[in-house]
């Protein structure tokens, strides 16, 4: 495990600990995030978006939680792309435990990032902090599914604060029970996800 002051290195965040290839974050990077208890449709769309972004040379970043996060990372890896997992635990801890093998694979072949030193306790506040770091390390954050109380919304707010792109899946806007997207639609860098090509055109002009 290595440590680096990411704020000094690229003006994008706090001191971080990492395992793997830090150069992965030197490429265009998009976070794909959302609910742990995601629907099967949400998991499928997350997996497909991870594949499509990776096939276009985008680093796929996510939080290595169950649900949306894991599926986005697995889709990108399956497509032969590079991923970065930003976790809310120390690098020597896997949460959930079911993701331990995936976490080890990412540390060995991609990039695993944590702002929490080995041996430190894990608190609920770690995960909103993790989301804010993920917003800082990426060019855009795509929310596939999220409830009104989801920690993902901390990342949405941080995107707005930092001037990063915030991308909301169209199905969230079509879900009349979801009120939170309305809070962000007026943000000038908020984009509604219709397809991957339009997403890349909005964020990178390509």
C-alpha atoms as a PDB file:
ATOM      1  CA  UNK A   1       0.000   0.000   0.000  1.00  0.00           C
ATOM      2  CA  UNK A   2       1.229   3.487  -0.852  1.00  0.00           C
ATOM      3  CA  UNK A   3       0.070   6.926   0.250  1.00  0.00           C
ATOM      4  CA  UNK A   4      -0.074  10.109  -1.752  1.00  0.00           C
ATOM      5  CA  UNK A   5      -1.357  13.603  -1.143  1.00  0.00           C
ATOM      6  CA  UNK A   6      -3.843  13.695  -4.002  1.00  0.00           C
ATOM      7  CA  UNK A   7      -4.560  17.361  -3.453  1.00  0.00           C
ATOM      8  CA  UNK A   8      -0.923  18.186  -4.114  1.00  0.00           C
ATOM      9  CA  UNK A   9      -0.677  15.745  -7.013  1.00  0.00           C
ATOM     10  CA  UNK A  10      -3.703  16.773  -9.028  1.00  0.00           C
ATOM     11  CA  UNK A  11      -5.772  19.229  -6.986  1.00  0.00           C
ATOM     12  CA  UNK A  12      -8.610  16.717  -6.807  1.00  0.00           C
ATOM     13  CA  UNK A  13      -8.886  15.511  -3.251  1.00  0.00           C
ATOM     14  CA  UNK A  14      -7.464  14.603   0.178  1.00  0.00           C
ATOM     15  CA  UNK A  15      -4.528  12.396   1.113  1.00  0.00           C
ATOM     16  CA  UNK A  16      -5.272   8.886  -0.072  1.00  0.00           C
ATOM     17  CA  UNK A  17      -3.913   5.391   0.343  1.00  0.00           C
ATOM     18  CA  UNK A  18      -3.880   3.201  -2.705  1.00  0.00           C
ATOM     19  CA  UNK A  19      -2.911  -0.154  -4.147  1.00  0.00           C
ATOM     20  CA  UNK A  20      -2.370  -0.627  -7.863  1.00  0.00           C
ATOM     21  CA  UNK A  21      -1.674   1.781 -10.696  1.00  0.00           C
ATOM     22  CA  UNK A  22      -2.366   5.418  -9.792  1.00  0.00           C
ATOM     23  CA  UNK A  23      -1.875   6.381 -13.448  1.00  0.00           C
ATOM     24  CA  UNK A  24      -5.328   4.934 -14.101  1.00  0.00           C
ATOM     25  CA  UNK A  25      -6.748   8.186 -12.731  1.00  0.00           C
ATOM     26  CA  UNK A  26      -4.751  10.132 -15.313  1.00  0.00           C
ATOM     27  CA  UNK A  27      -7.217   8.944 -17.954  1.00  0.00           C
ATOM     28  CA  UNK A  28     -10.758  10.263 -18.445  1.00  0.00           C
ATOM     29  CA  UNK A  29     -12.724   8.868 -15.495  1.00  0.00           C
ATOM     30  CA  UNK A  30     -16.449   8.544 -14.829  1.00  0.00           C
ATOM     31  CA  UNK A  31     -18.041   7.235 -11.642  1.00  0.00           C
ATOM     32  CA  UNK A  32     -21.034   4.900 -11.935  1.00  0.00           C
ATOM     33  CA  UNK A  33     -22.846   4.721  -8.617  1.00  0.00           C
ATOM     34  CA  UNK A  34     -26.141   3.951  -6.938  1.00  0.00           C
ATOM     35  CA  UNK A  35     -28.155   1.806  -4.596  1.00  0.00           C
ATOM     36  CA  UNK A  36     -26.823  -1.251  -2.817  1.00  0.00           C
ATOM     37  CA  UNK A  37     -30.252  -2.889  -2.966  1.00  0.00           C
ATOM     38  CA  UNK A  38     -30.663  -2.089  -6.652  1.00  0.00           C
ATOM     39  CA  UNK A  39     -33.279  -3.652  -8.892  1.00  0.00           C
ATOM     40  CA  UNK A  40     -32.215  -6.319 -11.344  1.00  0.00           C
ATOM     41  CA  UNK A  41     -32.824  -3.817 -14.141  1.00  0.00           C
ATOM     42  CA  UNK A  42     -30.602  -1.280 -12.402  1.00  0.00           C
ATOM     43  CA  UNK A  43     -27.825  -3.836 -11.965  1.00  0.00           C
ATOM     44  CA  UNK A  44     -28.067  -4.764 -15.646  1.00  0.00           C
ATOM     45  CA  UNK A  45     -27.943  -1.140 -16.791  1.00  0.00           C
ATOM     46  CA  UNK A  46     -24.988  -0.465 -14.515  1.00  0.00           C
ATOM     47  CA  UNK A  47     -23.105  -3.475 -15.891  1.00  0.00           C
ATOM     48  CA  UNK A  48     -23.807  -2.423 -19.481  1.00  0.00           C
ATOM     49  CA  UNK A  49     -22.770   1.181 -18.871  1.00  0.00           C
ATOM     50  CA  UNK A  50     -19.530  -0.018 -17.274  1.00  0.00           C
ATOM     51  CA  UNK A  51     -18.813  -2.129 -20.361  1.00  0.00           C
ATOM     52  CA  UNK A  52     -19.649   0.672 -22.780  1.00  0.00           C
ATOM     53  CA  UNK A  53     -17.550   3.288 -20.998  1.00  0.00           C
ATOM     54  CA  UNK A  54     -14.588   0.923 -20.712  1.00  0.00           C
ATOM     55  CA  UNK A  55     -14.795   0.034 -24.397  1.00  0.00           C
ATOM     56  CA  UNK A  56     -14.403   3.751 -25.169  1.00  0.00           C
ATOM     57  CA  UNK A  57     -11.281   4.107 -23.026  1.00  0.00           C
ATOM     58  CA  UNK A  58     -12.947   5.640 -19.975  1.00  0.00           C
ATOM     59  CA  UNK A  59     -11.781   4.596 -16.512  1.00  0.00           C
ATOM     60  CA  UNK A  60     -14.839   3.378 -14.624  1.00  0.00           C
ATOM     61  CA  UNK A  61     -14.838   4.401 -10.977  1.00  0.00           C
ATOM     62  CA  UNK A  62     -17.177   3.133  -8.288  1.00  0.00           C
ATOM     63  CA  UNK A  63     -17.434   2.476  -4.585  1.00  0.00           C
ATOM     64  CA  UNK A  64     -17.261  -1.331  -4.475  1.00  0.00           C
ATOM     65  CA  UNK A  65     -20.556  -1.581  -2.598  1.00  0.00           C
ATOM     66  CA  UNK A  66     -23.067  -4.262  -3.484  1.00  0.00           C
ATOM     67  CA  UNK A  67     -25.562  -3.544  -6.248  1.00  0.00           C
ATOM     68  CA  UNK A  68     -24.875  -0.768  -8.762  1.00  0.00           C
ATOM     69  CA  UNK A  69     -21.221  -0.250  -7.789  1.00  0.00           C
ATOM     70  CA  UNK A  70     -20.116  -3.849  -8.131  1.00  0.00           C
ATOM     71  CA  UNK A  71     -21.942  -4.364 -11.423  1.00  0.00           C
ATOM     72  CA  UNK A  72     -20.405  -1.265 -13.012  1.00  0.00           C
ATOM     73  CA  UNK A  73     -16.911  -2.401 -12.061  1.00  0.00           C
ATOM     74  CA  UNK A  74     -17.486  -5.957 -13.256  1.00  0.00           C
ATOM     75  CA  UNK A  75     -18.883  -4.743 -16.577  1.00  0.00           C
ATOM     76  CA  UNK A  76     -15.834  -2.563 -17.198  1.00  0.00           C
ATOM     77  CA  UNK A  77     -13.427  -5.358 -16.264  1.00  0.00           C
ATOM     78  CA  UNK A  78     -15.279  -7.810 -18.510  1.00  0.00           C
ATOM     79  CA  UNK A  79     -14.825  -5.349 -21.390  1.00  0.00           C
ATOM     80  CA  UNK A  80     -11.065  -5.257 -20.798  1.00  0.00           C
ATOM     81  CA  UNK A  81     -11.096  -1.739 -19.383  1.00  0.00           C
ATOM     82  CA  UNK A  82      -9.478  -0.169 -16.355  1.00  0.00           C
ATOM     83  CA  UNK A  83     -11.316   0.555 -13.114  1.00  0.00           C
ATOM     84  CA  UNK A  84     -10.730   2.358  -9.841  1.00  0.00           C
ATOM     85  CA  UNK A  85     -12.596   1.384  -6.692  1.00  0.00           C
ATOM     86  CA  UNK A  86     -12.863   4.071  -4.020  1.00  0.00           C
ATOM     87  CA  UNK A  87     -13.761   2.388  -0.748  1.00  0.00           C
ATOM     88  CA  UNK A  88     -15.110   3.546   2.610  1.00  0.00           C
ATOM     89  CA  UNK A  89     -12.914   1.185   4.615  1.00  0.00           C
ATOM     90  CA  UNK A  90      -9.133   0.873   4.932  1.00  0.00           C
ATOM     91  CA  UNK A  91      -7.494  -0.957   2.028  1.00  0.00           C
ATOM     92  CA  UNK A  92      -6.885  -3.987   4.225  1.00  0.00           C
ATOM     93  CA  UNK A  93     -10.633  -4.377   4.919  1.00  0.00           C
ATOM     94  CA  UNK A  94     -13.323  -5.577   2.507  1.00  0.00           C
ATOM     95  CA  UNK A  95     -16.923  -4.442   2.944  1.00  0.00           C
ATOM     96  CA  UNK A  96     -19.117  -6.207   2.108  1.00  0.00           C
ATOM     97  CA  UNK A  97     -17.065  -9.356   2.662  1.00  0.00           C
ATOM     98  CA  UNK A  98     -18.598 -10.861  -0.482  1.00  0.00           C
ATOM     99  CA  UNK A  99     -16.572  -8.352  -2.518  1.00  0.00           C
ATOM    100  CA  UNK A 100     -13.216  -9.425  -1.071  1.00  0.00           C
ATOM    101  CA  UNK A 101     -12.041 -11.314  -4.171  1.00  0.00           C
ATOM    102  CA  UNK A 102     -13.099  -8.483  -6.473  1.00  0.00           C
ATOM    103  CA  UNK A 103     -11.319  -5.982  -4.222  1.00  0.00           C
ATOM    104  CA  UNK A 104      -8.132  -8.067  -4.359  1.00  0.00           C
ATOM    105  CA  UNK A 105      -8.362  -8.323  -8.153  1.00  0.00           C
ATOM    106  CA  UNK A 106      -8.764  -4.561  -8.472  1.00  0.00           C
ATOM    107  CA  UNK A 107      -5.821  -3.899  -6.128  1.00  0.00           C
ATOM    108  CA  UNK A 108      -3.634  -6.253  -8.168  1.00  0.00           C
ATOM    109  CA  UNK A 109      -4.635  -5.248 -11.699  1.00  0.00           C
ATOM    110  CA  UNK A 110      -6.370  -1.859 -11.500  1.00  0.00           C
ATOM    111  CA  UNK A 111      -6.547   0.735  -8.696  1.00  0.00           C
ATOM    112  CA  UNK A 112      -7.941   0.582  -5.164  1.00  0.00           C
ATOM    113  CA  UNK A 113      -8.225   3.875  -3.271  1.00  0.00           C
ATOM    114  CA  UNK A 114      -9.041   4.693   0.348  1.00  0.00           C
ATOM    115  CA  UNK A 115      -8.684   7.845   2.401  1.00  0.00           C
ATOM    116  CA  UNK A 116      -8.693   5.764   5.592  1.00  0.00           C
ATOM    117  CA  UNK A 117      -5.407   4.324   6.948  1.00  0.00           C
ATOM    118  CA  UNK A 118      -5.007   0.627   7.645  1.00  0.00           C
ATOM    119  CA  UNK A 119      -6.107  -0.314  11.136  1.00  0.00           C
ATOM    120  CA  UNK A 120      -8.543   2.574  11.511  1.00  0.00           C
ATOM    121  CA  UNK A 121     -12.115   1.991  12.660  1.00  0.00           C
ATOM    122  CA  UNK A 122     -14.949   2.117  10.154  1.00  0.00           C
ATOM    123  CA  UNK A 123     -17.743   4.591  10.903  1.00  0.00           C
ATOM    124  CA  UNK A 124     -20.969   5.276   8.966  1.00  0.00           C
ATOM    125  CA  UNK A 125     -19.564   8.721   8.132  1.00  0.00           C
ATOM    126  CA  UNK A 126     -16.779   7.047   6.118  1.00  0.00           C
ATOM    127  CA  UNK A 127     -19.116   6.332   3.248  1.00  0.00           C
ATOM    128  CA  UNK A 128     -20.393   9.871   2.541  1.00  0.00           C
ATOM    129  CA  UNK A 129     -16.746  10.984   2.795  1.00  0.00           C
ATOM    130  CA  UNK A 130     -15.827   8.265   0.289  1.00  0.00           C
ATOM    131  CA  UNK A 131     -18.511   9.542  -2.070  1.00  0.00           C
ATOM    132  CA  UNK A 132     -17.199  13.090  -1.874  1.00  0.00           C
ATOM    133  CA  UNK A 133     -13.696  11.854  -2.678  1.00  0.00           C
ATOM    134  CA  UNK A 134     -15.027   9.908  -5.640  1.00  0.00           C
ATOM    135  CA  UNK A 135     -16.661  13.053  -7.010  1.00  0.00           C
ATOM    136  CA  UNK A 136     -13.322  14.856  -6.749  1.00  0.00           C
ATOM    137  CA  UNK A 137     -11.392  12.111  -8.539  1.00  0.00           C
ATOM    138  CA  UNK A 138     -13.686  11.877 -11.565  1.00  0.00           C
ATOM    139  CA  UNK A 139     -14.930  14.014 -14.429  1.00  0.00           C
ATOM    140  CA  UNK A 140     -18.562  12.986 -13.940  1.00  0.00           C
ATOM    141  CA  UNK A 141     -20.744  10.866 -11.666  1.00  0.00           C
ATOM    142  CA  UNK A 142     -23.595   8.803 -13.089  1.00  0.00           C
ATOM    143  CA  UNK A 143     -26.389   7.846 -10.688  1.00  0.00           C
ATOM    144  CA  UNK A 144     -28.238   4.764 -11.940  1.00  0.00           C
ATOM    145  CA  UNK A 145     -30.636   4.264  -9.017  1.00  0.00           C
ATOM    146  CA  UNK A 146     -30.897   5.951  -5.628  1.00  0.00           C
ATOM    147  CA  UNK A 147     -33.476   6.459  -2.912  1.00  0.00           C
ATOM    148  CA  UNK A 148     -34.199   9.734  -1.136  1.00  0.00           C
ATOM    149  CA  UNK A 149     -31.894   8.712   1.737  1.00  0.00           C
ATOM    150  CA  UNK A 150     -29.089   7.216  -0.362  1.00  0.00           C
ATOM    151  CA  UNK A 151     -25.510   8.166   0.454  1.00  0.00           C
ATOM    152  CA  UNK A 152     -25.094   8.558  -3.300  1.00  0.00           C
ATOM    153  CA  UNK A 153     -26.743  11.960  -2.960  1.00  0.00           C
ATOM    154  CA  UNK A 154     -23.695  13.205  -1.041  1.00  0.00           C
ATOM    155  CA  UNK A 155     -21.767  12.604  -4.256  1.00  0.00           C
ATOM    156  CA  UNK A 156     -24.383  14.466  -6.278  1.00  0.00           C
ATOM    157  CA  UNK A 157     -24.081  17.476  -3.993  1.00  0.00           C
ATOM    158  CA  UNK A 158     -20.283  17.343  -4.180  1.00  0.00           C
ATOM    159  CA  UNK A 159     -20.379  17.256  -7.985  1.00  0.00           C
ATOM    160  CA  UNK A 160     -22.373  20.468  -7.903  1.00  0.00           C
ATOM    161  CA  UNK A 161     -20.013  22.066  -5.371  1.00  0.00           C
ATOM    162  CA  UNK A 162     -16.928  21.145  -7.409  1.00  0.00           C
ATOM    163  CA  UNK A 163     -18.406  21.957 -10.802  1.00  0.00           C
ATOM    164  CA  UNK A 164     -18.237  18.327 -11.964  1.00  0.00           C
ATOM    165  CA  UNK A 165     -20.762  16.739 -14.281  1.00  0.00           C
ATOM    166  CA  UNK A 166     -23.699  15.044 -12.572  1.00  0.00           C
ATOM    167  CA  UNK A 167     -25.529  12.497 -14.710  1.00  0.00           C
ATOM    168  CA  UNK A 168     -28.912  11.101 -13.675  1.00  0.00           C
ATOM    169  CA  UNK A 169     -30.382   8.035 -15.360  1.00  0.00           C
ATOM    170  CA  UNK A 170     -33.625   8.839 -17.161  1.00  0.00           C
ATOM    171  CA  UNK A 171     -35.485   6.136 -15.273  1.00  0.00           C
ATOM    172  CA  UNK A 172     -34.967   8.137 -12.066  1.00  0.00           C
ATOM    173  CA  UNK A 173     -36.706  11.119 -13.634  1.00  0.00           C
ATOM    174  CA  UNK A 174     -39.510   8.869 -14.847  1.00  0.00           C
ATOM    175  CA  UNK A 175     -39.957   7.479 -11.328  1.00  0.00           C
ATOM    176  CA  UNK A 176     -42.597   9.747  -9.803  1.00  0.00           C
ATOM    177  CA  UNK A 177     -41.719   8.530  -6.307  1.00  0.00           C
ATOM    178  CA  UNK A 178     -38.191   9.915  -6.637  1.00  0.00           C
ATOM    179  CA  UNK A 179     -38.109  13.575  -5.621  1.00  0.00           C
ATOM    180  CA  UNK A 180     -34.366  14.098  -5.313  1.00  0.00           C
ATOM    181  CA  UNK A 181     -33.550  14.466  -9.054  1.00  0.00           C
ATOM    182  CA  UNK A 182     -35.623  17.656  -9.194  1.00  0.00           C
ATOM    183  CA  UNK A 183     -33.155  19.312  -6.824  1.00  0.00           C
ATOM    184  CA  UNK A 184     -30.345  18.975  -9.352  1.00  0.00           C
ATOM    185  CA  UNK A 185     -31.965  19.450 -12.755  1.00  0.00           C
ATOM    186  CA  UNK A 186     -31.332  23.199 -12.753  1.00  0.00           C
ATOM    187  CA  UNK A 187     -27.585  22.647 -12.254  1.00  0.00           C
ATOM    188  CA  UNK A 188     -25.877  23.636 -15.502  1.00  0.00           C
ATOM    189  CA  UNK A 189     -23.718  20.499 -15.554  1.00  0.00           C
ATOM    190  CA  UNK A 190     -26.559  18.079 -14.891  1.00  0.00           C
ATOM    191  CA  UNK A 191     -27.150  15.651 -17.756  1.00  0.00           C
ATOM    192  CA  UNK A 192     -29.939  13.103 -18.166  1.00  0.00           C
ATOM    193  CA  UNK A 193     -28.537   9.725 -19.202  1.00  0.00           C
ATOM    194  CA  UNK A 194     -30.190   8.499 -22.380  1.00  0.00           C
ATOM    195  CA  UNK A 195     -27.272   6.644 -23.942  1.00  0.00           C
ATOM    196  CA  UNK A 196     -23.502   6.425 -23.614  1.00  0.00           C
ATOM    197  CA  UNK A 197     -22.710   8.417 -26.766  1.00  0.00           C
ATOM    198  CA  UNK A 198     -24.720  11.442 -25.561  1.00  0.00           C
ATOM    199  CA  UNK A 199     -23.124  11.130 -22.137  1.00  0.00           C
ATOM    200  CA  UNK A 200     -19.605  11.302 -23.593  1.00  0.00           C
ATOM    201  CA  UNK A 201     -20.599  14.150 -25.896  1.00  0.00           C
ATOM    202  CA  UNK A 202     -21.872  16.160 -22.916  1.00  0.00           C
ATOM    203  CA  UNK A 203     -18.892  15.506 -20.653  1.00  0.00           C
ATOM    204  CA  UNK A 204     -16.012  15.442 -23.144  1.00  0.00           C
ATOM    205  CA  UNK A 205     -17.423  16.948 -26.336  1.00  0.00           C
ATOM    206  CA  UNK A 206     -16.804  13.757 -28.293  1.00  0.00           C
END
